[in-house]
Amino acid sequence: MLSGPLIVDLEGLSLSADEISLLQKPCVGGVILFSRNIGKYNELIALITQIRQVRSDLLICVDQEGGRVQRCREGFTRIPPMQVFDAHYQSNPIEALKRARDCGWLLAAEVIAAGMDFSFTPVLDVDDEFCSVIGDRAFSANPETVLELSSAFIVGAHEAGMKVTGKHFPGHGSVKGDSHLELPVDDRAMDQIHQKDLRTFAEQMQGEARLDAIMPAHILFPQIDSQQPVGFSSLWLQSILREQLGFEGVIFSDDLTMEGAAVAGDYPARARLALEAGCDVILVCNNRKGALEVLNLLEQSPELCALPRVNLQVMRPNKTWNKDELQASERWRETRDWLLTQ
């Protein structure tokens, strides 16, 4: 039986009675943790244990990229923004690729050691400072460099046992707007999009550096689909991503509470449109009322859960890590020491 397609967030460091009831709903398939849920390391472990006791099949995920987007702090290595690898790549590409690979391994191993399943990483957008919300979250403003460094990072994460999610398909680095605050519009033609942005996704569909999941951007590309942003577009998600590019992994919506998603209507309308367009999983974060409205839609519309979807359980890690043993390893110590100098 497939896990439910809805991922929800939590209010604090422990589950409330209402949240325990929420997580028991079959249409809920996972939990995403934010900084407010992650205090001291032992508090995080206690929360994860509590979630597993409610339902062991729930996925537990987090946005742990490094730099500005680093939810886990105490008990975790400080990860620099991915763009630090760009300068190293220009001077010593072999060394930079090793460091990116080790960084992916360390980040993933620490996430798994704490009991979480995966982080929504890496960012495959091509940017340095053009886009207000991407910037140094991206590996580089050069697509070839992004492809090389992100591939190394993905291999490292896979070595640690974590599944990876490439975001934000087909690329958020060529629009200035922040899709958290507005709906960005990109007027380029497909050949221009592919040449600069899309290829960082398209070339990582198989092999050791394959993507296990993809998160589409809340961006409108009028020359491709003039009606819907990528995350609500069957043209983008089914015709281009699934059929043309051959992607077989999980498609996670970006957060449906973002302003870039508002064009699709209220929260139930956004959820329906995203699922019907081809998303396997939808995220509704930081708006409990909206999440409950979506949950009600799913409970009243079983056909939405019966749409062809990838089983969420494929996002489970295929290795386990003990924190003490991890931190005693030479690879962890050497990688941690290098990262802290960046």
C-alpha atoms as a PDB file:
ATOM      1  CA  MET A   1       0.000   0.000   0.000  1.00  0.00           C
ATOM      2  CA  LEU A   2       1.334   3.453  -0.927  1.00  0.00           C
ATOM      3  CA  SER A   3       2.018   5.978   1.805  1.00  0.00           C
ATOM      4  CA  GLY A   4      -0.245   9.025   1.796  1.00  0.00           C
ATOM      5  CA  PRO A   5       0.806  11.903  -0.478  1.00  0.00           C
ATOM      6  CA  LEU A   6       0.781  14.687   2.132  1.00  0.00           C
ATOM      7  CA  ILE A   7       3.840  15.893   4.066  1.00  0.00           C
ATOM      8  CA  VAL A   8       3.090  18.174   7.008  1.00  0.00           C
ATOM      9  CA  ASP A   9       5.092  20.183   9.539  1.00  0.00           C
ATOM     10  CA  LEU A  10       5.010  20.426  13.336  1.00  0.00           C
ATOM     11  CA  GLU A  11       4.716  23.324  15.748  1.00  0.00           C
ATOM     12  CA  GLY A  12       7.406  22.639  18.347  1.00  0.00           C
ATOM     13  CA  LEU A  13       9.909  20.317  19.978  1.00  0.00           C
ATOM     14  CA  SER A  14       7.374  17.603  20.779  1.00  0.00           C
ATOM     15  CA  LEU A  15       4.092  16.346  19.388  1.00  0.00           C
ATOM     16  CA  SER A  16       0.856  17.844  20.620  1.00  0.00           C
ATOM     17  CA  ALA A  17      -2.271  15.687  20.994  1.00  0.00           C
ATOM     18  CA  ASP A  18      -3.666  17.230  17.804  1.00  0.00           C
ATOM     19  CA  GLU A  19      -0.455  16.406  15.925  1.00  0.00           C
ATOM     20  CA  ILE A  20      -0.524  12.802  17.097  1.00  0.00           C
ATOM     21  CA  SER A  21      -4.032  12.567  15.678  1.00  0.00           C
ATOM     22  CA  LEU A  22      -2.910  14.275  12.461  1.00  0.00           C
ATOM     23  CA  LEU A  23       0.001  11.903  11.893  1.00  0.00           C
ATOM     24  CA  GLN A  24      -2.274   8.904  12.320  1.00  0.00           C
ATOM     25  CA  LYS A  25      -4.259   9.917   9.237  1.00  0.00           C
ATOM     26  CA  PRO A  26      -3.526   7.495   6.359  1.00  0.00           C
ATOM     27  CA  CYS A  27      -3.327  10.347   3.822  1.00  0.00           C
ATOM     28  CA  VAL A  28      -0.327  11.780   5.699  1.00  0.00           C
ATOM     29  CA  GLY A  29       2.885  10.229   4.410  1.00  0.00           C
ATOM     30  CA  GLY A  30       5.599  12.221   6.116  1.00  0.00           C
ATOM     31  CA  VAL A  31       6.824  15.028   8.338  1.00  0.00           C
ATOM     32  CA  ILE A  32       9.214  17.851   7.506  1.00  0.00           C
ATOM     33  CA  LEU A  33      11.193  19.372  10.378  1.00  0.00           C
ATOM     34  CA  PHE A  34      12.078  23.058  10.664  1.00  0.00           C
ATOM     35  CA  SER A  35      14.459  24.917  12.987  1.00  0.00           C
ATOM     36  CA  ARG A  36      11.684  25.365  15.573  1.00  0.00           C
ATOM     37  CA  ASN A  37      11.506  21.554  15.897  1.00  0.00           C
ATOM     38  CA  ILE A  38      15.257  21.100  16.314  1.00  0.00           C
ATOM     39  CA  GLY A  39      16.710  22.307  19.597  1.00  0.00           C
ATOM     40  CA  LYS A  40      19.316  20.346  21.463  1.00  0.00           C
ATOM     41  CA  TYR A  41      20.411  17.089  19.859  1.00  0.00           C
ATOM     42  CA  ASN A  42      18.710  14.923  22.485  1.00  0.00           C
ATOM     43  CA  GLU A  43      15.474  16.890  21.972  1.00  0.00           C
ATOM     44  CA  LEU A  44      15.611  16.136  18.257  1.00  0.00           C
ATOM     45  CA  ILE A  45      16.162  12.434  18.935  1.00  0.00           C
ATOM     46  CA  ALA A  46      13.214  12.443  21.351  1.00  0.00           C
ATOM     47  CA  LEU A  47      10.930  14.086  18.777  1.00  0.00           C
ATOM     48  CA  ILE A  48      11.936  11.643  16.045  1.00  0.00           C
ATOM     49  CA  THR A  49      11.378   8.734  18.438  1.00  0.00           C
ATOM     50  CA  GLN A  50       7.938  10.104  19.267  1.00  0.00           C
ATOM     51  CA  ILE A  51       7.044  10.380  15.569  1.00  0.00           C
ATOM     52  CA  ARG A  52       8.216   6.814  14.910  1.00  0.00           C
ATOM     53  CA  GLN A  53       6.100   5.567  17.821  1.00  0.00           C
ATOM     54  CA  VAL A  54       3.010   7.165  16.308  1.00  0.00           C
ATOM     55  CA  ARG A  55       3.685   5.673  12.857  1.00  0.00           C
ATOM     56  CA  SER A  56       6.869   3.896  11.879  1.00  0.00           C
ATOM     57  CA  ASP A  57       6.139   4.227   8.156  1.00  0.00           C
ATOM     58  CA  LEU A  58       6.173   8.045   8.124  1.00  0.00           C
ATOM     59  CA  LEU A  59       9.063   9.645   6.289  1.00  0.00           C
ATOM     60  CA  ILE A  60      10.951  12.278   8.274  1.00  0.00           C
ATOM     61  CA  CYS A  61      12.728  14.885   6.171  1.00  0.00           C
ATOM     62  CA  VAL A  62      14.445  18.240   6.555  1.00  0.00           C
ATOM     63  CA  ASP A  63      15.965  21.094   4.549  1.00  0.00           C
ATOM     64  CA  GLN A  64      19.636  20.710   5.431  1.00  0.00           C
ATOM     65  CA  GLU A  65      21.599  22.254   2.562  1.00  0.00           C
ATOM     66  CA  GLY A  66      24.239  24.329   4.310  1.00  0.00           C
ATOM     67  CA  GLY A  67      24.758  28.082   4.415  1.00  0.00           C
ATOM     68  CA  ARG A  68      21.467  29.950   4.819  1.00  0.00           C
ATOM     69  CA  VAL A  69      19.424  26.763   4.752  1.00  0.00           C
ATOM     70  CA  GLN A  70      20.632  24.665   7.663  1.00  0.00           C
ATOM     71  CA  ARG A  71      17.905  23.573  10.065  1.00  0.00           C
ATOM     72  CA  CYS A  72      20.071  21.209  12.119  1.00  0.00           C
ATOM     73  CA  ARG A  73      22.781  22.894  14.164  1.00  0.00           C
ATOM     74  CA  GLU A  74      23.618  21.508  17.613  1.00  0.00           C
ATOM     75  CA  GLY A  75      25.274  18.133  17.169  1.00  0.00           C
ATOM     76  CA  PHE A  76      25.700  18.696  13.413  1.00  0.00           C
ATOM     77  CA  THR A  77      28.616  20.020  11.396  1.00  0.00           C
ATOM     78  CA  ARG A  78      28.233  23.579  10.121  1.00  0.00           C
ATOM     79  CA  ILE A  79      27.969  23.212   6.367  1.00  0.00           C
ATOM     80  CA  PRO A  80      29.022  26.213   4.238  1.00  0.00           C
ATOM     81  CA  PRO A  81      26.946  27.343   1.250  1.00  0.00           C
ATOM     82  CA  MET A  82      27.567  25.119  -1.741  1.00  0.00           C
ATOM     83  CA  GLN A  83      29.082  27.994  -3.699  1.00  0.00           C
ATOM     84  CA  VAL A  84      32.300  27.716  -1.680  1.00  0.00           C
ATOM     85  CA  PHE A  85      33.199  24.749  -3.875  1.00  0.00           C
ATOM     86  CA  ASP A  86      33.142  26.908  -7.009  1.00  0.00           C
ATOM     87  CA  ALA A  87      36.348  28.842  -6.251  1.00  0.00           C
ATOM     88  CA  HIS A  88      38.142  25.612  -5.289  1.00  0.00           C
ATOM     89  CA  TYR A  89      36.958  24.033  -8.546  1.00  0.00           C
ATOM     90  CA  GLN A  90      38.500  26.856 -10.582  1.00  0.00           C
ATOM     91  CA  SER A  91      41.924  26.351  -9.024  1.00  0.00           C
ATOM     92  CA  ASN A  92      41.956  22.618  -8.306  1.00  0.00           C
ATOM     93  CA  PRO A  93      38.990  20.706  -9.792  1.00  0.00           C
ATOM     94  CA  ILE A  94      40.102  17.280  -8.589  1.00  0.00           C
ATOM     95  CA  GLU A  95      40.409  18.463  -4.999  1.00  0.00           C
ATOM     96  CA  ALA A  96      37.102  20.368  -5.210  1.00  0.00           C
ATOM     97  CA  LEU A  97      35.246  17.294  -6.441  1.00  0.00           C
ATOM     98  CA  LYS A  98      36.663  15.227  -3.572  1.00  0.00           C
ATOM     99  CA  ARG A  99      35.581  17.881  -1.065  1.00  0.00           C
ATOM    100  CA  ALA A 100      32.079  18.108  -2.546  1.00  0.00           C
ATOM    101  CA  ARG A 101      31.776  14.324  -2.429  1.00  0.00           C
ATOM    102  CA  ASP A 102      32.909  14.200   1.202  1.00  0.00           C
ATOM    103  CA  CYS A 103      30.527  17.035   2.077  1.00  0.00           C
ATOM    104  CA  GLY A 104      27.597  15.134   0.584  1.00  0.00           C
ATOM    105  CA  TRP A 105      28.642  12.042   2.520  1.00  0.00           C
ATOM    106  CA  LEU A 106      28.995  13.874   5.854  1.00  0.00           C
ATOM    107  CA  LEU A 107      25.743  15.824   5.527  1.00  0.00           C
ATOM    108  CA  ALA A 108      23.816  12.669   4.636  1.00  0.00           C
ATOM    109  CA  ALA A 109      25.408  10.513   7.330  1.00  0.00           C
ATOM    110  CA  GLU A 110      24.624  13.082  10.027  1.00  0.00           C
ATOM    111  CA  VAL A 111      20.989  13.324   8.912  1.00  0.00           C
ATOM    112  CA  ILE A 112      20.603   9.542   8.973  1.00  0.00           C
ATOM    113  CA  ALA A 113      22.432   9.179  12.307  1.00  0.00           C
ATOM    114  CA  ALA A 114      19.855  11.462  13.940  1.00  0.00           C
ATOM    115  CA  GLY A 115      17.045   9.206  12.736  1.00  0.00           C
ATOM    116  CA  MET A 116      15.779  11.260   9.807  1.00  0.00           C
ATOM    117  CA  ASP A 117      15.340   9.742   6.364  1.00  0.00           C
ATOM    118  CA  PHE A 118      16.655  12.426   4.017  1.00  0.00           C
ATOM    119  CA  SER A 119      17.324  16.095   3.382  1.00  0.00           C
ATOM    120  CA  PHE A 120      15.883  17.962   0.403  1.00  0.00           C
ATOM    121  CA  THR A 121      19.244  18.519  -1.263  1.00  0.00           C
ATOM    122  CA  PRO A 122      21.107  19.315  -3.510  1.00  0.00           C
ATOM    123  CA  VAL A 123      20.194  22.610  -5.165  1.00  0.00           C
ATOM    124  CA  LEU A 124      20.865  22.174  -8.905  1.00  0.00           C
ATOM    125  CA  ASP A 125      20.004  25.730  -9.878  1.00  0.00           C
ATOM    126  CA  VAL A 126      22.611  27.653 -11.877  1.00  0.00           C
ATOM    127  CA  ASP A 127      23.338  30.959 -10.121  1.00  0.00           C
ATOM    128  CA  ASP A 128      25.759  33.007  -8.068  1.00  0.00           C
ATOM    129  CA  GLU A 129      23.939  36.229  -7.117  1.00  0.00           C
ATOM    130  CA  PHE A 130      21.248  36.821  -9.772  1.00  0.00           C
ATOM    131  CA  CYS A 131      18.274  35.197  -8.009  1.00  0.00           C
ATOM    132  CA  SER A 132      17.315  36.627  -4.628  1.00  0.00           C
ATOM    133  CA  VAL A 133      16.378  33.260  -3.120  1.00  0.00           C
ATOM    134  CA  ILE A 134      19.082  31.052  -4.692  1.00  0.00           C
ATOM    135  CA  GLY A 135      22.424  32.897  -4.876  1.00  0.00           C
ATOM    136  CA  ASP A 136      25.125  31.031  -2.981  1.00  0.00           C
ATOM    137  CA  ARG A 137      22.829  28.057  -2.378  1.00  0.00           C
ATOM    138  CA  ALA A 138      23.804  27.056  -5.927  1.00  0.00           C
ATOM    139  CA  PHE A 139      27.154  25.419  -6.662  1.00  0.00           C
ATOM    140  CA  SER A 140      27.993  27.881  -9.430  1.00  0.00           C
ATOM    141  CA  ALA A 141      26.740  30.217 -12.144  1.00  0.00           C
ATOM    142  CA  ASN A 142      28.355  27.898 -14.695  1.00  0.00           C
ATOM    143  CA  PRO A 143      26.123  24.932 -15.618  1.00  0.00           C
ATOM    144  CA  GLU A 144      29.049  22.614 -16.317  1.00  0.00           C
ATOM    145  CA  THR A 145      30.519  23.367 -12.886  1.00  0.00           C
ATOM    146  CA  VAL A 146      27.134  22.821 -11.214  1.00  0.00           C
ATOM    147  CA  LEU A 147      26.856  19.471 -12.956  1.00  0.00           C
ATOM    148  CA  GLU A 148      30.338  18.337 -11.919  1.00  0.00           C
ATOM    149  CA  LEU A 149      30.145  19.469  -8.290  1.00  0.00           C
ATOM    150  CA  SER A 150      26.567  18.352  -7.693  1.00  0.00           C
ATOM    151  CA  SER A 151      27.338  14.939  -9.186  1.00  0.00           C
ATOM    152  CA  ALA A 152      30.199  14.528  -6.706  1.00  0.00           C
ATOM    153  CA  PHE A 153      27.941  15.653  -3.847  1.00  0.00           C
ATOM    154  CA  ILE A 154      25.238  13.159  -4.894  1.00  0.00           C
ATOM    155  CA  VAL A 155      27.728  10.283  -5.065  1.00  0.00           C
ATOM    156  CA  GLY A 156      28.864  11.130  -1.534  1.00  0.00           C
ATOM    157  CA  ALA A 157      25.296  11.275  -0.229  1.00  0.00           C
ATOM    158  CA  HIS A 158      24.585   7.905  -1.851  1.00  0.00           C
ATOM    159  CA  GLU A 159      27.704   6.454  -0.230  1.00  0.00           C
ATOM    160  CA  ALA A 160      26.228   7.457   3.126  1.00  0.00           C
ATOM    161  CA  GLY A 161      22.942   5.794   2.192  1.00  0.00           C
ATOM    162  CA  MET A 162      20.757   8.871   1.729  1.00  0.00           C
ATOM    163  CA  LYS A 163      18.440   9.488  -1.206  1.00  0.00           C
ATOM    164  CA  VAL A 164      18.767  12.888  -2.884  1.00  0.00           C
ATOM    165  CA  THR A 165      16.293  15.448  -4.234  1.00  0.00           C
ATOM    166  CA  GLY A 166      17.340  17.809  -7.011  1.00  0.00           C
ATOM    167  CA  LYS A 167      15.717  21.222  -6.832  1.00  0.00           C
ATOM    168  CA  HIS A 168      14.252  23.423  -8.243  1.00  0.00           C
ATOM    169  CA  PHE A 169      13.363  21.830 -11.636  1.00  0.00           C
ATOM    170  CA  PRO A 170      13.927  23.039 -14.356  1.00  0.00           C
ATOM    171  CA  GLY A 171      16.034  25.777 -12.708  1.00  0.00           C
ATOM    172  CA  HIS A 172      15.354  28.780 -10.448  1.00  0.00           C
ATOM    173  CA  GLY A 173      18.621  30.616 -11.013  1.00  0.00           C
ATOM    174  CA  SER A 174      17.617  32.651 -14.070  1.00  0.00           C
ATOM    175  CA  VAL A 175      14.757  34.624 -12.502  1.00  0.00           C
ATOM    176  CA  LYS A 176      15.265  37.360  -9.934  1.00  0.00           C
ATOM    177  CA  GLY A 177      12.009  36.830  -8.055  1.00  0.00           C
ATOM    178  CA  ASP A 178      11.645  34.761  -4.881  1.00  0.00           C
ATOM    179  CA  SER A 179       8.860  32.212  -5.382  1.00  0.00           C
ATOM    180  CA  HIS A 180       8.184  32.325  -1.649  1.00  0.00           C
ATOM    181  CA  LEU A 181       6.931  35.879  -2.186  1.00  0.00           C
ATOM    182  CA  GLU A 182       5.736  36.006  -5.816  1.00  0.00           C
ATOM    183  CA  LEU A 183       5.281  33.969  -8.972  1.00  0.00           C
ATOM    184  CA  PRO A 184       8.447  34.467 -11.048  1.00  0.00           C
ATOM    185  CA  VAL A 185       8.034  34.447 -14.826  1.00  0.00           C
ATOM    186  CA  ASP A 186      10.762  33.194 -17.173  1.00  0.00           C
ATOM    187  CA  ASP A 187      10.136  34.120 -20.823  1.00  0.00           C
ATOM    188  CA  ARG A 188      12.955  32.072 -22.362  1.00  0.00           C
ATOM    189  CA  ALA A 189      12.478  29.375 -24.989  1.00  0.00           C
ATOM    190  CA  MET A 190      13.171  25.720 -24.208  1.00  0.00           C
ATOM    191  CA  ASP A 191      16.549  25.597 -25.955  1.00  0.00           C
ATOM    192  CA  GLN A 192      17.774  28.493 -23.786  1.00  0.00           C
ATOM    193  CA  ILE A 193      16.407  26.878 -20.621  1.00  0.00           C
ATOM    194  CA  HIS A 194      18.024  23.548 -21.448  1.00  0.00           C
ATOM    195  CA  GLN A 195      21.382  25.028 -22.366  1.00  0.00           C
ATOM    196  CA  LYS A 196      21.815  26.849 -19.070  1.00  0.00           C
ATOM    197  CA  ASP A 197      19.519  25.349 -16.419  1.00  0.00           C
ATOM    198  CA  LEU A 198      17.729  22.159 -17.344  1.00  0.00           C
ATOM    199  CA  ARG A 199      20.805  20.148 -18.243  1.00  0.00           C
ATOM    200  CA  THR A 200      21.915  19.971 -14.593  1.00  0.00           C
ATOM    201  CA  PHE A 201      18.783  17.885 -14.006  1.00  0.00           C
ATOM    202  CA  ALA A 202      18.585  16.080 -17.344  1.00  0.00           C
ATOM    203  CA  GLU A 203      22.101  14.649 -17.125  1.00  0.00           C
ATOM    204  CA  GLN A 204      21.561  13.115 -13.692  1.00  0.00           C
ATOM    205  CA  MET A 205      18.764  10.659 -14.401  1.00  0.00           C
ATOM    206  CA  GLN A 206      20.843   7.498 -14.159  1.00  0.00           C
ATOM    207  CA  GLY A 207      24.155   6.138 -12.943  1.00  0.00           C
ATOM    208  CA  GLU A 208      25.951   6.645  -9.651  1.00  0.00           C
ATOM    209  CA  ALA A 209      24.960  10.319  -9.460  1.00  0.00           C
ATOM    210  CA  ARG A 210      21.300   9.742 -10.329  1.00  0.00           C
ATOM    211  CA  LEU A 211      18.560  11.786  -8.730  1.00  0.00           C
ATOM    212  CA  ASP A 212      16.164   9.829  -6.509  1.00  0.00           C
ATOM    213  CA  ALA A 213      13.655  12.673  -6.387  1.00  0.00           C
ATOM    214  CA  ILE A 214      12.996  16.054  -7.957  1.00  0.00           C
ATOM    215  CA  MET A 215      11.267  19.164  -6.622  1.00  0.00           C
ATOM    216  CA  PRO A 216       9.785  21.469  -9.294  1.00  0.00           C
ATOM    217  CA  ALA A 217       9.888  25.251  -9.005  1.00  0.00           C
ATOM    218  CA  HIS A 218       6.900  27.549  -8.647  1.00  0.00           C
ATOM    219  CA  ILE A 219       7.884  29.418 -11.823  1.00  0.00           C
ATOM    220  CA  LEU A 220       5.835  30.161 -14.936  1.00  0.00           C
ATOM    221  CA  PHE A 221       7.517  29.573 -18.312  1.00  0.00           C
ATOM    222  CA  PRO A 222       5.009  31.091 -20.781  1.00  0.00           C
ATOM    223  CA  GLN A 223       6.769  29.781 -23.888  1.00  0.00           C
ATOM    224  CA  ILE A 224       6.495  26.213 -22.574  1.00  0.00           C
ATOM    225  CA  ASP A 225       3.217  26.211 -20.627  1.00  0.00           C
ATOM    226  CA  SER A 226       1.448  29.565 -20.548  1.00  0.00           C
ATOM    227  CA  GLN A 227      -1.224  28.351 -18.129  1.00  0.00           C
ATOM    228  CA  GLN A 228       0.515  26.766 -15.141  1.00  0.00           C
ATOM    229  CA  PRO A 229       3.749  27.058 -13.144  1.00  0.00           C
ATOM    230  CA  VAL A 230       5.984  23.994 -13.350  1.00  0.00           C
ATOM    231  CA  GLY A 231       4.707  22.293 -10.184  1.00  0.00           C
ATOM    232  CA  PHE A 232       1.126  22.353 -11.496  1.00  0.00           C
ATOM    233  CA  SER A 233       1.915  21.553 -15.129  1.00  0.00           C
ATOM    234  CA  SER A 234       1.388  18.084 -16.603  1.00  0.00           C
ATOM    235  CA  LEU A 235       3.344  19.281 -19.634  1.00  0.00           C
ATOM    236  CA  TRP A 236       6.407  19.889 -17.473  1.00  0.00           C
ATOM    237  CA  LEU A 237       6.030  16.984 -15.050  1.00  0.00           C
ATOM    238  CA  GLN A 238       4.677  14.246 -17.292  1.00  0.00           C
ATOM    239  CA  SER A 239       5.541  15.115 -20.893  1.00  0.00           C
ATOM    240  CA  ILE A 240       8.986  16.642 -20.253  1.00  0.00           C
ATOM    241  CA  LEU A 241      10.230  15.190 -16.958  1.00  0.00           C
ATOM    242  CA  ARG A 242       8.741  11.694 -17.100  1.00  0.00           C
ATOM    243  CA  GLU A 243       8.473  10.998 -20.835  1.00  0.00           C
ATOM    244  CA  GLN A 244      11.214  13.042 -22.521  1.00  0.00           C
ATOM    245  CA  LEU A 245      13.822  12.882 -19.746  1.00  0.00           C
ATOM    246  CA  GLY A 246      12.828   9.431 -18.491  1.00  0.00           C
ATOM    247  CA  PHE A 247      12.734  10.337 -14.807  1.00  0.00           C
ATOM    248  CA  GLU A 248      11.367   7.484 -12.683  1.00  0.00           C
ATOM    249  CA  GLY A 249      11.904   8.806  -9.156  1.00  0.00           C
ATOM    250  CA  VAL A 250       9.705  10.719  -6.730  1.00  0.00           C
ATOM    251  CA  ILE A 251       8.320  14.162  -7.595  1.00  0.00           C
ATOM    252  CA  PHE A 252       7.856  16.329  -4.494  1.00  0.00           C
ATOM    253  CA  SER A 253       5.914  19.559  -4.826  1.00  0.00           C
ATOM    254  CA  ASP A 254       7.588  22.617  -3.400  1.00  0.00           C
ATOM    255  CA  ASP A 255       5.685  24.025  -0.431  1.00  0.00           C
ATOM    256  CA  LEU A 256       2.129  24.769  -1.542  1.00  0.00           C
ATOM    257  CA  THR A 257       1.888  27.677   0.898  1.00  0.00           C
ATOM    258  CA  MET A 258       4.462  29.683  -1.080  1.00  0.00           C
ATOM    259  CA  GLU A 259       3.141  32.749  -2.883  1.00  0.00           C
ATOM    260  CA  GLY A 260       4.306  31.324  -6.190  1.00  0.00           C
ATOM    261  CA  ALA A 261       1.694  28.573  -5.759  1.00  0.00           C
ATOM    262  CA  ALA A 262      -1.204  30.952  -5.060  1.00  0.00           C
ATOM    263  CA  VAL A 263      -2.078  31.233  -8.748  1.00  0.00           C
ATOM    264  CA  ALA A 264      -3.565  27.727  -8.497  1.00  0.00           C
ATOM    265  CA  GLY A 265      -6.255  28.834  -6.014  1.00  0.00           C
ATOM    266  CA  ASP A 266      -6.951  27.846  -2.417  1.00  0.00           C
ATOM    267  CA  TYR A 267      -5.047  25.054  -0.687  1.00  0.00           C
ATOM    268  CA  PRO A 268      -7.305  22.182  -1.806  1.00  0.00           C
ATOM    269  CA  ALA A 269      -7.168  23.491  -5.382  1.00  0.00           C
ATOM    270  CA  ARG A 270      -3.381  23.676  -5.252  1.00  0.00           C
ATOM    271  CA  ALA A 271      -3.160  20.129  -3.894  1.00  0.00           C
ATOM    272  CA  ARG A 272      -5.524  18.700  -6.501  1.00  0.00           C
ATOM    273  CA  LEU A 273      -3.777  20.455  -9.379  1.00  0.00           C
ATOM    274  CA  ALA A 274      -0.290  19.401  -8.204  1.00  0.00           C
ATOM    275  CA  LEU A 275      -1.283  15.751  -7.825  1.00  0.00           C
ATOM    276  CA  GLU A 276      -3.170  15.625 -11.109  1.00  0.00           C
ATOM    277  CA  ALA A 277      -0.225  17.282 -12.871  1.00  0.00           C
ATOM    278  CA  GLY A 278       2.127  14.551 -11.714  1.00  0.00           C
ATOM    279  CA  CYS A 279       3.468  15.306  -8.235  1.00  0.00           C
ATOM    280  CA  ASP A 280       3.726  12.147  -6.131  1.00  0.00           C
ATOM    281  CA  VAL A 281       3.927  14.024  -2.846  1.00  0.00           C
ATOM    282  CA  ILE A 282       2.722  17.471  -1.793  1.00  0.00           C
ATOM    283  CA  LEU A 283       4.136  19.638   1.004  1.00  0.00           C
ATOM    284  CA  VAL A 284       1.902  22.010   2.977  1.00  0.00           C
ATOM    285  CA  CYS A 285       4.031  23.794   5.571  1.00  0.00           C
ATOM    286  CA  ASN A 286       3.646  26.599   8.111  1.00  0.00           C
ATOM    287  CA  ASN A 287      -0.115  26.790   7.684  1.00  0.00           C
ATOM    288  CA  ARG A 288      -1.936  24.163   9.734  1.00  0.00           C
ATOM    289  CA  LYS A 289      -5.364  25.335   8.554  1.00  0.00           C
ATOM    290  CA  GLY A 290      -4.274  24.887   4.947  1.00  0.00           C
ATOM    291  CA  ALA A 291      -2.833  21.448   5.697  1.00  0.00           C
ATOM    292  CA  LEU A 292      -6.107  20.353   7.297  1.00  0.00           C
ATOM    293  CA  GLU A 293      -8.057  21.630   4.300  1.00  0.00           C
ATOM    294  CA  VAL A 294      -5.840  19.547   2.014  1.00  0.00           C
ATOM    295  CA  LEU A 295      -6.182  16.525   4.308  1.00  0.00           C
ATOM    296  CA  ASN A 296      -9.965  16.850   4.135  1.00  0.00           C
ATOM    297  CA  LEU A 297      -9.772  16.989   0.334  1.00  0.00           C
ATOM    298  CA  LEU A 298      -7.681  13.818   0.231  1.00  0.00           C
ATOM    299  CA  GLU A 299      -9.991  11.971   2.604  1.00  0.00           C
ATOM    300  CA  GLN A 300     -13.008  12.968   0.516  1.00  0.00           C
ATOM    301  CA  SER A 301     -11.294  12.263  -2.816  1.00  0.00           C
ATOM    302  CA  PRO A 302      -9.667   8.820  -2.702  1.00  0.00           C
ATOM    303  CA  GLU A 303      -9.109   9.000  -6.464  1.00  0.00           C
ATOM    304  CA  LEU A 304      -6.335  11.562  -5.826  1.00  0.00           C
ATOM    305  CA  CYS A 305      -4.443   9.081  -3.688  1.00  0.00           C
ATOM    306  CA  ALA A 306      -5.023   6.394  -6.308  1.00  0.00           C
ATOM    307  CA  LEU A 307      -3.293   8.352  -9.075  1.00  0.00           C
ATOM    308  CA  PRO A 308      -0.133   6.671 -10.422  1.00  0.00           C
ATOM    309  CA  ARG A 309       2.463   7.538  -7.813  1.00  0.00           C
ATOM    310  CA  VAL A 310       5.911   6.371  -6.776  1.00  0.00           C
ATOM    311  CA  ASN A 311       6.017   4.658  -3.382  1.00  0.00           C
ATOM    312  CA  LEU A 312       7.417   7.088  -0.808  1.00  0.00           C
ATOM    313  CA  GLN A 313       9.282   4.287   0.931  1.00  0.00           C
ATOM    314  CA  VAL A 314      11.913   4.383  -1.811  1.00  0.00           C
ATOM    315  CA  MET A 315      13.219   7.495  -0.020  1.00  0.00           C
ATOM    316  CA  ARG A 316      14.283   5.474   3.021  1.00  0.00           C
ATOM    317  CA  PRO A 317      18.060   5.394   3.638  1.00  0.00           C
ATOM    318  CA  ASN A 318      19.759   2.128   2.773  1.00  0.00           C
ATOM    319  CA  LYS A 319      22.378   2.460   5.509  1.00  0.00           C
ATOM    320  CA  THR A 320      22.323   3.245   9.222  1.00  0.00           C
ATOM    321  CA  TRP A 321      24.770   5.341  11.212  1.00  0.00           C
ATOM    322  CA  ASN A 322      25.656   5.534  14.881  1.00  0.00           C
ATOM    323  CA  LYS A 323      26.572   9.105  15.800  1.00  0.00           C
ATOM    324  CA  ASP A 324      29.523   8.172  18.022  1.00  0.00           C
ATOM    325  CA  GLU A 325      30.967   5.739  15.498  1.00  0.00           C
ATOM    326  CA  LEU A 326      30.457   8.268  12.704  1.00  0.00           C
ATOM    327  CA  GLN A 327      32.280  11.018  14.574  1.00  0.00           C
ATOM    328  CA  ALA A 328      35.109   8.628  15.390  1.00  0.00           C
ATOM    329  CA  SER A 329      35.730   7.916  11.714  1.00  0.00           C
ATOM    330  CA  GLU A 330      38.670   9.506   9.943  1.00  0.00           C
ATOM    331  CA  ARG A 331      36.555  10.611   6.982  1.00  0.00           C
ATOM    332  CA  TRP A 332      34.103  12.479   9.218  1.00  0.00           C
ATOM    333  CA  ARG A 333      36.826  14.200  11.256  1.00  0.00           C
ATOM    334  CA  GLU A 334      38.864  15.243   8.226  1.00  0.00           C
ATOM    335  CA  THR A 335      35.809  16.469   6.311  1.00  0.00           C
ATOM    336  CA  ARG A 336      34.398  18.309   9.317  1.00  0.00           C
ATOM    337  CA  ASP A 337      37.723  20.064   9.948  1.00  0.00           C
ATOM    338  CA  TRP A 338      37.920  21.216   6.324  1.00  0.00           C
ATOM    339  CA  LEU A 339      34.314  22.417   6.184  1.00  0.00           C
ATOM    340  CA  LEU A 340      34.778  24.496   9.334  1.00  0.00           C
ATOM    341  CA  THR A 341      37.540  26.476   7.623  1.00  0.00           C
ATOM    342  CA  GLN A 342      35.296  27.521   4.732  1.00  0.00           C
END
